[in-house]
Amino acid sequence: MNDFERLLVADSNQSYLWIQYMAFMLDKLDVEAARKVAERAIKSIGMTAEADKLNLWIAYMNLENSFGTEDSLQKVVVRALECNDTMKVYLQLI
């Protein structure tokens, strides 16, 4: 966990680091910690890193689809639609 934190301090705009961190938490069977990582990632990634931001939202939607409820997935989708290209979000959701 500390390794991920160190890497993210150096470069918080890399979605693959955040997604690996989320996967690490899921490997530890801690879905709530993975959600917290996703929330931190969304707040940390720069506005100009559109592709990385979309990657994070996709990972977050997958997390909720696999481990959340229909309601929790819907809430994440609505939030993803607010700050990403609508067509791209829907295509990934399908």
Protein backbone atom coordinates (compact mmCIF):
# COMPACT_ATOMS: atom_id res chain seq x y z
CA MET A 1 0.00 0.00 0.00
CA ASN A 2 2.81 2.42 0.83
CA ASP A 3 4.40 1.68 -2.54
CA PHE A 4 1.26 2.86 -4.33
CA GLU A 5 1.12 5.99 -2.19
CA ARG A 6 4.74 6.83 -3.06
CA LEU A 7 4.13 6.30 -6.78
CA LEU A 8 1.01 8.44 -6.69
CA VAL A 9 2.81 11.28 -4.94
CA ALA A 10 5.24 11.31 -7.85
CA ASP A 11 2.55 11.20 -10.54
CA SER A 12 -1.11 11.33 -9.55
CA ASN A 13 -2.32 11.78 -13.15
CA GLN A 14 -1.60 8.18 -14.15
CA SER A 15 -4.89 6.29 -14.19
CA TYR A 16 -3.17 2.92 -14.45
CA LEU A 17 -1.54 3.47 -11.02
CA TRP A 18 -4.88 4.29 -9.44
CA ILE A 19 -6.56 1.32 -11.12
CA GLN A 20 -3.79 -1.01 -9.95
CA TYR A 21 -4.24 0.38 -6.43
CA MET A 22 -7.99 -0.33 -6.64
CA ALA A 23 -7.26 -3.88 -7.82
CA PHE A 24 -4.81 -4.34 -4.96
CA MET A 25 -7.52 -3.38 -2.48
CA LEU A 26 -9.96 -5.77 -4.13
CA ASP A 27 -7.39 -8.55 -3.88
CA LYS A 28 -7.43 -7.89 -0.14
CA LEU A 29 -11.23 -8.27 -0.30
CA ASP A 30 -11.72 -4.68 0.78
CA VAL A 31 -14.34 -3.23 -1.56
CA GLU A 32 -14.87 -0.14 0.57
CA ALA A 33 -11.14 0.69 0.46
CA ALA A 34 -11.21 0.26 -3.34
CA ARG A 35 -14.12 2.72 -3.49
CA LYS A 36 -12.15 5.22 -1.39
CA VAL A 37 -9.19 4.87 -3.76
CA ALA A 38 -11.52 5.49 -6.72
CA GLU A 39 -12.92 8.62 -5.08
CA ARG A 40 -9.41 9.92 -4.32
CA ALA A 41 -8.34 9.19 -7.88
CA ILE A 42 -11.24 11.10 -9.40
CA LYS A 43 -10.43 14.13 -7.26
CA SER A 44 -6.68 13.91 -7.87
CA ILE A 45 -6.45 13.51 -11.61
CA GLY A 46 -6.04 16.76 -13.52
CA MET A 47 -8.83 18.20 -15.64
CA THR A 48 -6.65 18.08 -18.76
CA ALA A 49 -6.01 14.33 -18.45
CA GLU A 50 -9.33 13.41 -20.09
CA ALA A 51 -8.35 9.88 -21.15
CA ASP A 52 -7.05 9.06 -17.68
CA LYS A 53 -10.17 10.48 -16.07
CA LEU A 54 -12.36 8.34 -18.35
CA ASN A 55 -10.26 5.27 -17.52
CA LEU A 56 -10.87 5.87 -13.82
CA TRP A 57 -14.60 6.29 -14.27
CA ILE A 58 -14.72 3.06 -16.29
CA ALA A 59 -12.83 1.22 -13.56
CA TYR A 60 -15.17 2.69 -10.93
CA MET A 61 -18.23 1.61 -12.93
CA ASN A 62 -16.78 -1.89 -13.25
CA LEU A 63 -16.17 -1.97 -9.51
CA GLU A 64 -19.77 -1.05 -8.76
CA ASN A 65 -21.09 -3.43 -11.41
CA SER A 66 -19.16 -6.32 -9.85
CA PHE A 67 -19.37 -5.53 -6.15
CA GLY A 68 -22.02 -2.87 -5.67
CA THR A 69 -25.74 -2.59 -6.07
CA GLU A 70 -27.77 -1.41 -9.03
CA ASP A 71 -28.28 1.87 -7.18
CA SER A 72 -24.57 2.39 -6.46
CA LEU A 73 -23.74 1.67 -10.12
CA GLN A 74 -26.38 4.14 -11.28
CA LYS A 75 -24.96 6.86 -9.03
CA VAL A 76 -21.45 6.35 -10.41
CA VAL A 77 -22.74 6.35 -14.00
CA VAL A 78 -24.59 9.63 -13.44
CA ARG A 79 -21.44 11.21 -12.02
CA ALA A 80 -19.33 9.83 -14.89
CA LEU A 81 -21.74 11.32 -17.43
CA GLU A 82 -21.36 14.76 -15.85
CA CYS A 83 -17.65 15.03 -16.60
CA ASN A 84 -16.96 12.75 -19.59
CA ASP A 85 -18.10 12.32 -23.16
CA THR A 86 -21.58 10.79 -22.88
CA MET A 87 -21.14 8.43 -25.83
CA LYS A 88 -17.85 7.08 -24.48
CA VAL A 89 -19.37 6.40 -21.05
CA TYR A 90 -22.39 4.62 -22.49
CA LEU A 91 -20.25 2.55 -24.86
CA GLN A 92 -18.10 1.39 -21.94
CA LEU A 93 -21.15 0.71 -19.81
CA ILE A 94 -22.58 -1.60 -22.46
